[in-house]
């Protein structure tokens, strides 16, 4: 018996900003999600700041990467210390409700983004209920990047904002760029 095909009608684009890249030591600080259809028309947008212990933030964000991105580091730290910051559980519940509202609650959601496997590792580590809500298949724009740069020498000039919502918008634009190069 074969499994029914996975044919999601919508895509859940997610980007996370974290204290660093190690899901065992670092924590999610900011999350954004955009839900689109397959024409990349935006259906809905979500953003949140997740509260992280300030001692962990100070310790984990004192690495060279953050020295090269000092303005982003400062903005994330300021957000973390503001009234905008929500508990991890609150953000996870809001994200699940957001996905259920716009994608339906009856089927797993398709997660998309640039190097989305890394974001998925953080989701699996910190938000188990959200992880269970997502399909095992993912749409990773970085795979397209590897093929188009390696095989065709085509490179998309994506700005590296290191802010969740801006990075998602860049990922959607990047996939649209690659798809325009494909002949249907």
N, C-alpha and C. Protein backbone atom coordinates (compact mmCIF):
# COMPACT_ATOMS: atom_id res chain seq x y z
N UNK A 1 0.85 -1.18 0.00
CA UNK A 1 0.00 0.00 0.00
C UNK A 1 0.89 1.24 0.00
N UNK A 2 0.63 2.16 -0.89
CA UNK A 2 1.43 3.37 -0.96
C UNK A 2 0.81 4.49 -0.13
N UNK A 3 1.69 5.34 0.37
CA UNK A 3 1.24 6.49 1.14
C UNK A 3 0.67 7.54 0.20
N UNK A 4 -0.34 8.29 0.65
CA UNK A 4 -0.83 9.38 -0.20
C UNK A 4 0.26 10.43 -0.38
N UNK A 5 0.26 11.08 -1.53
CA UNK A 5 1.27 12.09 -1.84
C UNK A 5 1.14 13.29 -0.91
N UNK A 6 2.26 13.87 -0.58
CA UNK A 6 2.30 15.09 0.24
C UNK A 6 2.19 16.26 -0.71
N UNK A 7 1.05 16.94 -0.70
CA UNK A 7 0.81 18.06 -1.62
C UNK A 7 0.26 19.25 -0.83
N UNK A 8 1.14 19.93 -0.11
CA UNK A 8 0.66 21.08 0.65
C UNK A 8 0.24 22.22 -0.27
N UNK A 9 -0.80 22.92 0.12
CA UNK A 9 -1.28 24.06 -0.67
C UNK A 9 -0.53 25.33 -0.30
N UNK A 10 0.06 25.33 0.88
CA UNK A 10 0.76 26.52 1.38
C UNK A 10 2.14 26.14 1.92
N UNK A 11 2.99 27.14 1.98
CA UNK A 11 4.37 26.97 2.45
C UNK A 11 4.55 27.83 3.70
N UNK A 12 5.17 27.25 4.72
CA UNK A 12 5.46 27.97 5.96
C UNK A 12 6.95 28.32 5.94
N UNK A 13 7.25 29.57 5.61
CA UNK A 13 8.62 30.06 5.58
C UNK A 13 8.99 30.50 7.00
N UNK A 14 10.11 30.03 7.51
CA UNK A 14 10.53 30.39 8.87
C UNK A 14 12.00 30.79 8.86
N UNK A 15 12.31 31.78 9.67
CA UNK A 15 13.70 32.12 9.94
C UNK A 15 13.82 32.43 11.42
N UNK A 16 14.92 31.96 11.98
CA UNK A 16 15.22 32.17 13.39
C UNK A 16 16.51 32.96 13.52
N UNK A 17 16.59 33.79 14.52
CA UNK A 17 17.85 34.39 14.93
C UNK A 17 18.15 33.81 16.31
N UNK A 18 19.35 33.30 16.47
CA UNK A 18 19.73 32.62 17.70
C UNK A 18 20.96 33.28 18.30
N UNK A 19 21.28 32.89 19.52
CA UNK A 19 22.48 33.40 20.17
C UNK A 19 23.74 32.88 19.48
N UNK A 20 23.62 31.77 18.77
CA UNK A 20 24.72 31.15 18.04
C UNK A 20 24.15 30.00 17.23
N UNK A 21 25.01 29.11 16.76
CA UNK A 21 24.56 28.05 15.87
C UNK A 21 24.53 26.65 16.47
N UNK A 22 24.76 26.51 17.76
CA UNK A 22 24.78 25.20 18.41
C UNK A 22 23.46 24.98 19.15
N UNK A 23 22.57 24.10 18.62
CA UNK A 23 21.27 23.92 19.27
C UNK A 23 21.35 23.32 20.67
N UNK A 24 22.50 22.78 21.04
CA UNK A 24 22.67 22.26 22.40
C UNK A 24 23.07 23.35 23.39
N UNK A 25 23.65 24.44 22.90
CA UNK A 25 24.14 25.51 23.78
C UNK A 25 23.44 26.84 23.56
N UNK A 26 22.98 27.08 22.35
CA UNK A 26 22.38 28.36 22.00
C UNK A 26 20.87 28.30 22.06
N UNK A 27 20.26 29.46 22.01
CA UNK A 27 18.80 29.57 22.10
C UNK A 27 18.26 30.49 21.02
N UNK A 28 17.01 30.23 20.63
CA UNK A 28 16.28 31.08 19.70
C UNK A 28 15.97 32.39 20.40
N UNK A 29 16.21 33.51 19.70
CA UNK A 29 15.89 34.83 20.25
C UNK A 29 14.76 35.52 19.48
N UNK A 30 14.69 35.26 18.18
CA UNK A 30 13.72 35.94 17.33
C UNK A 30 13.22 34.94 16.29
N UNK A 31 11.94 35.01 15.98
CA UNK A 31 11.37 34.13 14.96
C UNK A 31 10.42 34.95 14.09
N UNK A 32 10.43 34.63 12.82
CA UNK A 32 9.46 35.19 11.89
C UNK A 32 8.97 34.06 11.01
N UNK A 33 7.73 34.17 10.59
CA UNK A 33 7.14 33.19 9.69
C UNK A 33 6.28 33.92 8.68
N UNK A 34 6.36 33.47 7.45
CA UNK A 34 5.50 33.97 6.39
C UNK A 34 4.86 32.75 5.74
N UNK A 35 3.57 32.79 5.57
CA UNK A 35 2.88 31.72 4.86
C UNK A 35 2.54 32.24 3.48
N UNK A 36 2.94 31.43 2.46
CA UNK A 36 2.64 31.79 1.07
C UNK A 36 1.93 30.64 0.38
N UNK A 37 1.40 30.95 -0.78
CA UNK A 37 0.94 29.91 -1.68
C UNK A 37 2.12 29.54 -2.59
N UNK A 38 1.89 28.72 -3.59
CA UNK A 38 2.98 28.29 -4.47
C UNK A 38 3.36 29.35 -5.50
N UNK A 39 2.62 30.44 -5.55
CA UNK A 39 3.02 31.59 -6.37
C UNK A 39 3.76 32.61 -5.53
N UNK A 40 4.01 32.25 -4.27
CA UNK A 40 4.75 33.06 -3.29
C UNK A 40 4.00 34.33 -2.91
N UNK A 41 2.67 34.29 -3.05
CA UNK A 41 1.83 35.37 -2.57
C UNK A 41 1.72 35.22 -1.06
N UNK A 42 2.00 36.30 -0.35
CA UNK A 42 1.97 36.27 1.11
C UNK A 42 0.53 36.16 1.59
N UNK A 43 0.28 35.16 2.42
CA UNK A 43 -1.04 34.94 3.01
C UNK A 43 -1.09 35.59 4.40
N UNK A 44 -0.01 35.38 5.18
CA UNK A 44 0.03 35.91 6.55
C UNK A 44 1.48 35.97 7.03
N UNK A 45 1.70 36.83 8.02
CA UNK A 45 3.05 37.04 8.58
C UNK A 45 2.97 37.00 10.10
N UNK A 46 4.01 36.44 10.70
CA UNK A 46 4.12 36.35 12.17
C UNK A 46 5.54 36.72 12.57
N UNK A 47 5.67 37.46 13.66
CA UNK A 47 6.98 37.77 14.23
C UNK A 47 6.88 37.71 15.75
N UNK A 48 7.96 37.28 16.39
CA UNK A 48 7.99 37.28 17.85
C UNK A 48 9.43 37.33 18.34
N UNK A 49 9.56 37.86 19.54
CA UNK A 49 10.83 37.88 20.26
C UNK A 49 10.68 36.88 21.41
N UNK A 50 11.61 35.95 21.49
CA UNK A 50 11.59 34.95 22.57
C UNK A 50 12.60 35.34 23.64
N UNK A 51 12.15 35.37 24.86
CA UNK A 51 13.00 35.75 25.99
C UNK A 51 14.04 34.67 26.25
N UNK A 52 15.29 35.13 26.39
CA UNK A 52 16.42 34.23 26.68
C UNK A 52 17.14 34.80 27.89
N UNK A 53 17.62 33.92 28.76
CA UNK A 53 18.36 34.35 29.94
C UNK A 53 19.51 35.27 29.52
N UNK A 54 19.58 36.46 30.14
CA UNK A 54 20.57 37.47 29.73
C UNK A 54 22.01 37.00 29.95
N UNK A 55 22.25 36.13 30.91
CA UNK A 55 23.62 35.61 31.12
C UNK A 55 24.03 34.72 29.95
N UNK A 56 23.10 33.90 29.47
CA UNK A 56 23.39 33.05 28.31
C UNK A 56 23.62 33.92 27.08
N UNK A 57 22.81 34.95 26.91
CA UNK A 57 22.96 35.85 25.77
C UNK A 57 24.35 36.49 25.78
N UNK A 58 24.75 37.02 26.93
CA UNK A 58 26.06 37.68 27.04
C UNK A 58 27.19 36.70 26.74
N UNK A 59 27.08 35.50 27.25
CA UNK A 59 28.14 34.49 27.06
C UNK A 59 28.21 34.00 25.62
N UNK A 60 27.06 33.67 25.03
CA UNK A 60 27.04 33.04 23.71
C UNK A 60 27.20 34.05 22.56
N UNK A 61 26.87 35.32 22.81
CA UNK A 61 26.97 36.30 21.74
C UNK A 61 28.31 37.05 21.77
N UNK A 62 29.24 36.56 22.56
CA UNK A 62 30.59 37.15 22.62
C UNK A 62 31.54 36.33 21.75
N UNK A 63 31.15 36.15 20.49
CA UNK A 63 31.98 35.39 19.54
C UNK A 63 32.24 36.28 18.32
N UNK A 64 33.27 35.96 17.54
CA UNK A 64 33.63 36.82 16.39
C UNK A 64 32.49 37.09 15.41
N UNK A 65 31.62 36.11 15.15
CA UNK A 65 30.49 36.34 14.23
C UNK A 65 29.71 37.57 14.66
N UNK A 66 29.43 37.67 15.94
CA UNK A 66 28.63 38.78 16.42
C UNK A 66 29.42 40.09 16.43
N UNK A 67 30.75 40.00 16.52
CA UNK A 67 31.56 41.21 16.39
C UNK A 67 31.41 41.81 15.00
N UNK A 68 31.29 40.93 13.99
CA UNK A 68 31.12 41.39 12.61
C UNK A 68 29.68 41.85 12.33
N UNK A 69 28.77 41.54 13.22
CA UNK A 69 27.36 41.91 13.08
C UNK A 69 26.87 42.61 14.34
N UNK A 70 27.65 43.60 14.76
CA UNK A 70 27.41 44.27 16.05
C UNK A 70 26.04 44.96 16.13
N UNK A 71 25.59 45.57 15.05
CA UNK A 71 24.30 46.27 15.08
C UNK A 71 23.16 45.28 15.30
N UNK A 72 23.23 44.13 14.64
CA UNK A 72 22.20 43.11 14.82
C UNK A 72 22.26 42.57 16.25
N UNK A 73 23.46 42.30 16.75
CA UNK A 73 23.61 41.81 18.12
C UNK A 73 22.96 42.78 19.10
N UNK A 74 23.25 44.05 18.95
CA UNK A 74 22.69 45.07 19.85
C UNK A 74 21.17 45.08 19.76
N UNK A 75 20.63 45.03 18.55
CA UNK A 75 19.17 45.03 18.38
C UNK A 75 18.52 43.81 19.03
N UNK A 76 19.13 42.64 18.84
CA UNK A 76 18.57 41.42 19.44
C UNK A 76 18.64 41.47 20.97
N UNK A 77 19.74 41.96 21.51
CA UNK A 77 19.87 42.08 22.96
C UNK A 77 18.85 43.07 23.51
N UNK A 78 18.69 44.20 22.84
CA UNK A 78 17.71 45.20 23.28
C UNK A 78 16.29 44.62 23.26
N UNK A 79 15.95 43.89 22.19
CA UNK A 79 14.65 43.23 22.12
C UNK A 79 14.46 42.25 23.27
N UNK A 80 15.51 41.48 23.54
CA UNK A 80 15.44 40.46 24.58
C UNK A 80 15.16 41.09 25.94
N UNK A 81 15.64 42.30 26.14
CA UNK A 81 15.46 42.99 27.42
C UNK A 81 14.20 43.87 27.44
N UNK A 82 13.40 43.81 26.39
CA UNK A 82 12.23 44.68 26.29
C UNK A 82 10.95 43.94 26.68
N UNK A 83 9.88 44.68 26.73
CA UNK A 83 8.56 44.12 27.03
C UNK A 83 8.04 43.27 25.87
N UNK A 84 8.68 43.36 24.70
CA UNK A 84 8.28 42.56 23.55
C UNK A 84 8.56 41.07 23.74
N UNK A 85 9.56 40.75 24.54
CA UNK A 85 10.01 39.36 24.69
C UNK A 85 8.94 38.51 25.38
N UNK A 86 8.68 37.34 24.78
CA UNK A 86 7.67 36.41 25.30
C UNK A 86 8.35 35.10 25.71
N UNK A 87 7.66 34.34 26.51
CA UNK A 87 8.20 33.04 26.91
C UNK A 87 8.25 32.10 25.71
N UNK A 88 9.11 31.12 25.81
CA UNK A 88 9.25 30.13 24.74
C UNK A 88 7.93 29.42 24.47
N UNK A 89 7.23 29.03 25.52
CA UNK A 89 5.95 28.32 25.37
C UNK A 89 4.92 29.19 24.65
N UNK A 90 4.87 30.47 25.01
CA UNK A 90 3.92 31.38 24.36
C UNK A 90 4.21 31.48 22.87
N UNK A 91 5.47 31.67 22.51
CA UNK A 91 5.83 31.80 21.09
C UNK A 91 5.50 30.50 20.34
N UNK A 92 5.84 29.37 20.92
CA UNK A 92 5.54 28.09 20.27
C UNK A 92 4.04 27.94 20.05
N UNK A 93 3.24 28.22 21.06
CA UNK A 93 1.78 28.10 20.92
C UNK A 93 1.22 29.06 19.88
N UNK A 94 1.76 30.28 19.84
CA UNK A 94 1.32 31.24 18.83
C UNK A 94 1.67 30.77 17.42
N UNK A 95 2.87 30.21 17.25
CA UNK A 95 3.28 29.70 15.94
C UNK A 95 2.38 28.54 15.48
N UNK A 96 2.08 27.64 16.38
CA UNK A 96 1.20 26.51 16.03
C UNK A 96 -0.18 27.03 15.65
N UNK A 97 -0.73 27.96 16.42
CA UNK A 97 -2.04 28.54 16.10
C UNK A 97 -2.01 29.25 14.75
N UNK A 98 -0.92 29.97 14.48
CA UNK A 98 -0.73 30.67 13.21
C UNK A 98 -0.74 29.68 12.04
N UNK A 99 0.01 28.60 12.17
CA UNK A 99 0.06 27.57 11.11
C UNK A 99 -1.31 26.91 10.94
N UNK A 100 -1.95 26.55 12.07
CA UNK A 100 -3.26 25.91 12.00
C UNK A 100 -4.29 26.80 11.30
N UNK A 101 -4.26 28.08 11.63
CA UNK A 101 -5.22 29.03 11.05
C UNK A 101 -5.05 29.16 9.55
N UNK A 102 -3.82 29.19 9.07
CA UNK A 102 -3.58 29.49 7.66
C UNK A 102 -3.27 28.27 6.79
N UNK A 103 -2.96 27.14 7.43
CA UNK A 103 -2.64 25.93 6.66
C UNK A 103 -3.58 24.78 6.96
N UNK A 104 -4.43 24.96 7.97
CA UNK A 104 -5.29 23.87 8.41
C UNK A 104 -4.58 23.04 9.47
N UNK A 105 -5.34 22.49 10.36
CA UNK A 105 -4.76 21.74 11.49
C UNK A 105 -4.68 20.25 11.22
N UNK A 106 -5.18 19.81 10.06
CA UNK A 106 -5.30 18.37 9.83
C UNK A 106 -4.12 17.71 9.12
N UNK A 107 -3.20 18.50 8.56
CA UNK A 107 -2.07 17.92 7.83
C UNK A 107 -0.77 18.58 8.26
N UNK A 108 0.33 17.84 8.17
CA UNK A 108 1.62 18.46 8.49
C UNK A 108 1.93 19.62 7.56
N UNK A 109 2.61 20.63 8.09
CA UNK A 109 2.95 21.82 7.32
C UNK A 109 4.34 21.68 6.70
N UNK A 110 4.51 22.27 5.51
CA UNK A 110 5.79 22.27 4.82
C UNK A 110 6.61 23.46 5.29
N UNK A 111 7.75 23.20 5.87
CA UNK A 111 8.67 24.22 6.36
C UNK A 111 9.64 24.59 5.25
N UNK A 112 9.89 25.89 5.08
CA UNK A 112 10.79 26.36 4.03
C UNK A 112 11.68 27.47 4.55
N UNK A 113 12.83 27.63 3.88
CA UNK A 113 13.75 28.71 4.21
C UNK A 113 15.14 28.40 3.69
N UNK A 114 16.07 29.25 4.01
CA UNK A 114 17.46 29.08 3.62
C UNK A 114 18.18 28.31 4.72
N UNK A 115 18.86 27.24 4.36
CA UNK A 115 19.50 26.35 5.34
C UNK A 115 18.52 26.00 6.46
N UNK A 116 17.31 25.67 6.05
CA UNK A 116 16.21 25.44 6.99
C UNK A 116 16.48 24.25 7.91
N UNK A 117 17.36 23.35 7.50
CA UNK A 117 17.69 22.22 8.37
C UNK A 117 18.28 22.71 9.69
N UNK A 118 19.03 23.80 9.66
CA UNK A 118 19.63 24.34 10.90
C UNK A 118 18.55 24.92 11.80
N UNK A 119 17.63 25.68 11.23
CA UNK A 119 16.52 26.21 12.01
C UNK A 119 15.69 25.06 12.57
N UNK A 120 15.50 24.00 11.78
CA UNK A 120 14.71 22.84 12.22
C UNK A 120 15.37 22.17 13.43
N UNK A 121 16.69 22.16 13.49
CA UNK A 121 17.39 21.59 14.65
C UNK A 121 17.03 22.37 15.92
N UNK A 122 16.96 23.69 15.81
CA UNK A 122 16.57 24.51 16.96
C UNK A 122 15.11 24.30 17.31
N UNK A 123 14.26 24.20 16.31
CA UNK A 123 12.83 23.93 16.56
C UNK A 123 12.69 22.60 17.28
N UNK A 124 13.38 21.57 16.82
CA UNK A 124 13.31 20.25 17.45
C UNK A 124 13.82 20.29 18.89
N UNK A 125 14.82 21.11 19.14
CA UNK A 125 15.40 21.21 20.47
C UNK A 125 14.51 21.98 21.44
N UNK A 126 13.93 23.09 20.97
CA UNK A 126 13.20 23.98 21.88
C UNK A 126 11.69 23.89 21.80
N UNK A 127 11.15 23.52 20.64
CA UNK A 127 9.70 23.54 20.44
C UNK A 127 9.23 22.20 19.89
N UNK A 128 9.15 21.22 20.75
CA UNK A 128 8.80 19.84 20.34
C UNK A 128 7.40 19.75 19.71
N UNK A 129 6.44 20.49 20.26
CA UNK A 129 5.07 20.45 19.69
C UNK A 129 5.05 21.05 18.28
N UNK A 130 5.78 22.12 18.08
CA UNK A 130 5.86 22.70 16.73
C UNK A 130 6.56 21.74 15.79
N UNK A 131 7.64 21.13 16.25
CA UNK A 131 8.37 20.18 15.41
C UNK A 131 7.45 19.05 14.96
N UNK A 132 6.62 18.57 15.86
CA UNK A 132 5.69 17.49 15.53
C UNK A 132 4.62 17.95 14.53
N UNK A 133 4.35 19.23 14.47
CA UNK A 133 3.34 19.81 13.58
C UNK A 133 3.84 19.91 12.13
N UNK A 134 5.16 19.85 11.96
CA UNK A 134 5.78 20.05 10.64
C UNK A 134 6.03 18.72 9.93
N UNK A 135 5.93 18.73 8.62
CA UNK A 135 6.24 17.55 7.81
C UNK A 135 7.74 17.30 7.84
N UNK A 136 8.14 16.06 7.62
CA UNK A 136 9.57 15.75 7.60
C UNK A 136 10.26 16.32 6.36
N UNK A 137 9.52 16.53 5.29
CA UNK A 137 10.09 17.15 4.10
C UNK A 137 10.16 18.66 4.31
N UNK A 138 11.20 19.26 3.75
CA UNK A 138 11.38 20.70 3.86
C UNK A 138 11.80 21.26 2.50
N UNK A 139 11.49 22.52 2.29
CA UNK A 139 11.90 23.22 1.08
C UNK A 139 13.09 24.10 1.45
N UNK A 140 14.29 23.66 1.08
CA UNK A 140 15.51 24.36 1.47
C UNK A 140 16.08 25.12 0.27
N UNK A 141 16.00 26.44 0.33
CA UNK A 141 16.48 27.29 -0.76
C UNK A 141 17.98 27.13 -0.96
N UNK A 142 18.71 26.81 0.10
CA UNK A 142 20.17 26.67 -0.04
C UNK A 142 20.54 25.51 -0.96
N UNK A 143 19.69 24.51 -1.10
CA UNK A 143 19.96 23.42 -2.05
C UNK A 143 19.91 23.96 -3.48
N UNK A 144 18.95 24.84 -3.77
CA UNK A 144 18.88 25.48 -5.07
C UNK A 144 20.13 26.32 -5.30
N UNK A 145 20.56 27.02 -4.27
CA UNK A 145 21.75 27.87 -4.36
C UNK A 145 22.97 27.04 -4.77
N UNK A 146 23.15 25.89 -4.15
CA UNK A 146 24.29 25.03 -4.45
C UNK A 146 24.26 24.59 -5.91
N UNK A 147 23.10 24.16 -6.38
CA UNK A 147 22.99 23.70 -7.77
C UNK A 147 23.24 24.84 -8.75
N UNK A 148 22.60 25.97 -8.56
CA UNK A 148 22.72 27.07 -9.53
C UNK A 148 24.11 27.69 -9.51
N UNK A 149 24.75 27.77 -8.36
CA UNK A 149 26.12 28.30 -8.33
C UNK A 149 27.10 27.28 -8.91
N UNK A 150 26.95 26.00 -8.52
CA UNK A 150 27.89 24.97 -8.97
C UNK A 150 27.75 24.61 -10.43
N UNK A 151 26.53 24.40 -10.89
CA UNK A 151 26.32 23.93 -12.26
C UNK A 151 26.25 25.07 -13.28
N UNK A 152 25.62 26.18 -12.90
CA UNK A 152 25.37 27.24 -13.88
C UNK A 152 26.13 28.54 -13.60
N UNK A 153 26.82 28.62 -12.50
CA UNK A 153 27.55 29.84 -12.16
C UNK A 153 26.63 31.02 -11.87
N UNK A 154 25.38 30.75 -11.55
CA UNK A 154 24.39 31.80 -11.25
C UNK A 154 24.35 32.01 -9.74
N UNK A 155 24.45 33.26 -9.34
CA UNK A 155 24.45 33.57 -7.91
C UNK A 155 23.46 34.68 -7.64
N UNK A 156 22.62 34.44 -6.64
CA UNK A 156 21.65 35.45 -6.22
C UNK A 156 22.30 36.33 -5.17
N UNK A 157 22.19 37.63 -5.34
CA UNK A 157 22.80 38.57 -4.40
C UNK A 157 21.80 38.86 -3.27
N UNK A 158 21.77 37.95 -2.30
CA UNK A 158 20.83 38.08 -1.18
C UNK A 158 21.48 38.89 -0.06
N UNK A 159 20.82 39.96 0.36
CA UNK A 159 21.37 40.71 1.49
C UNK A 159 21.29 39.88 2.77
N UNK A 160 22.31 39.96 3.58
CA UNK A 160 22.35 39.22 4.85
C UNK A 160 21.99 40.16 5.98
N UNK A 161 20.72 40.30 6.25
CA UNK A 161 20.25 41.23 7.27
C UNK A 161 20.42 40.66 8.68
N UNK A 162 20.38 39.33 8.80
CA UNK A 162 20.42 38.67 10.10
C UNK A 162 19.31 39.16 11.01
N UNK A 163 18.16 39.42 10.38
CA UNK A 163 16.92 39.68 11.09
C UNK A 163 15.90 38.75 10.46
N UNK A 164 15.12 38.10 11.28
CA UNK A 164 14.29 36.99 10.83
C UNK A 164 13.36 37.34 9.67
N UNK A 165 12.57 38.39 9.78
CA UNK A 165 11.60 38.69 8.73
C UNK A 165 12.28 39.09 7.42
N UNK A 166 13.31 39.91 7.50
CA UNK A 166 14.05 40.31 6.30
C UNK A 166 14.70 39.10 5.63
N UNK A 167 15.24 38.18 6.43
CA UNK A 167 15.89 37.00 5.86
C UNK A 167 14.89 36.10 5.14
N UNK A 168 13.68 35.97 5.68
CA UNK A 168 12.66 35.16 4.98
C UNK A 168 12.30 35.80 3.64
N UNK A 169 12.07 37.09 3.66
CA UNK A 169 11.73 37.78 2.40
C UNK A 169 12.84 37.56 1.37
N UNK A 170 14.09 37.61 1.81
CA UNK A 170 15.21 37.35 0.92
C UNK A 170 15.22 35.93 0.39
N UNK A 171 14.85 34.97 1.23
CA UNK A 171 14.80 33.56 0.81
C UNK A 171 13.73 33.35 -0.25
N UNK A 172 12.57 33.96 -0.07
CA UNK A 172 11.49 33.84 -1.06
C UNK A 172 11.94 34.46 -2.38
N UNK A 173 12.54 35.64 -2.33
CA UNK A 173 13.05 36.29 -3.55
C UNK A 173 14.10 35.43 -4.23
N UNK A 174 14.95 34.79 -3.42
CA UNK A 174 16.01 33.95 -3.99
C UNK A 174 15.42 32.75 -4.72
N UNK A 175 14.43 32.08 -4.13
CA UNK A 175 13.83 30.94 -4.81
C UNK A 175 13.11 31.39 -6.09
N UNK A 176 12.46 32.53 -6.04
CA UNK A 176 11.81 33.06 -7.25
C UNK A 176 12.85 33.31 -8.35
N UNK A 177 14.02 33.82 -7.98
CA UNK A 177 15.10 34.05 -8.93
C UNK A 177 15.51 32.74 -9.62
N UNK A 178 15.71 31.68 -8.82
CA UNK A 178 16.11 30.39 -9.40
C UNK A 178 15.02 29.81 -10.28
N UNK A 179 13.77 29.92 -9.83
CA UNK A 179 12.67 29.34 -10.60
C UNK A 179 12.50 30.05 -11.95
N UNK A 180 12.81 31.32 -12.02
CA UNK A 180 12.73 32.05 -13.30
C UNK A 180 13.76 31.51 -14.30
N UNK A 181 14.82 30.90 -13.79
CA UNK A 181 15.85 30.34 -14.66
C UNK A 181 15.49 28.97 -15.21
N UNK A 182 14.46 28.35 -14.63
CA UNK A 182 14.03 27.01 -15.03
C UNK A 182 12.99 27.14 -16.12
N UNK A 183 13.17 26.38 -17.19
CA UNK A 183 12.17 26.36 -18.27
C UNK A 183 11.14 25.31 -17.96
N UNK A 184 9.87 25.74 -17.94
CA UNK A 184 8.77 24.81 -17.62
C UNK A 184 8.40 23.93 -18.78
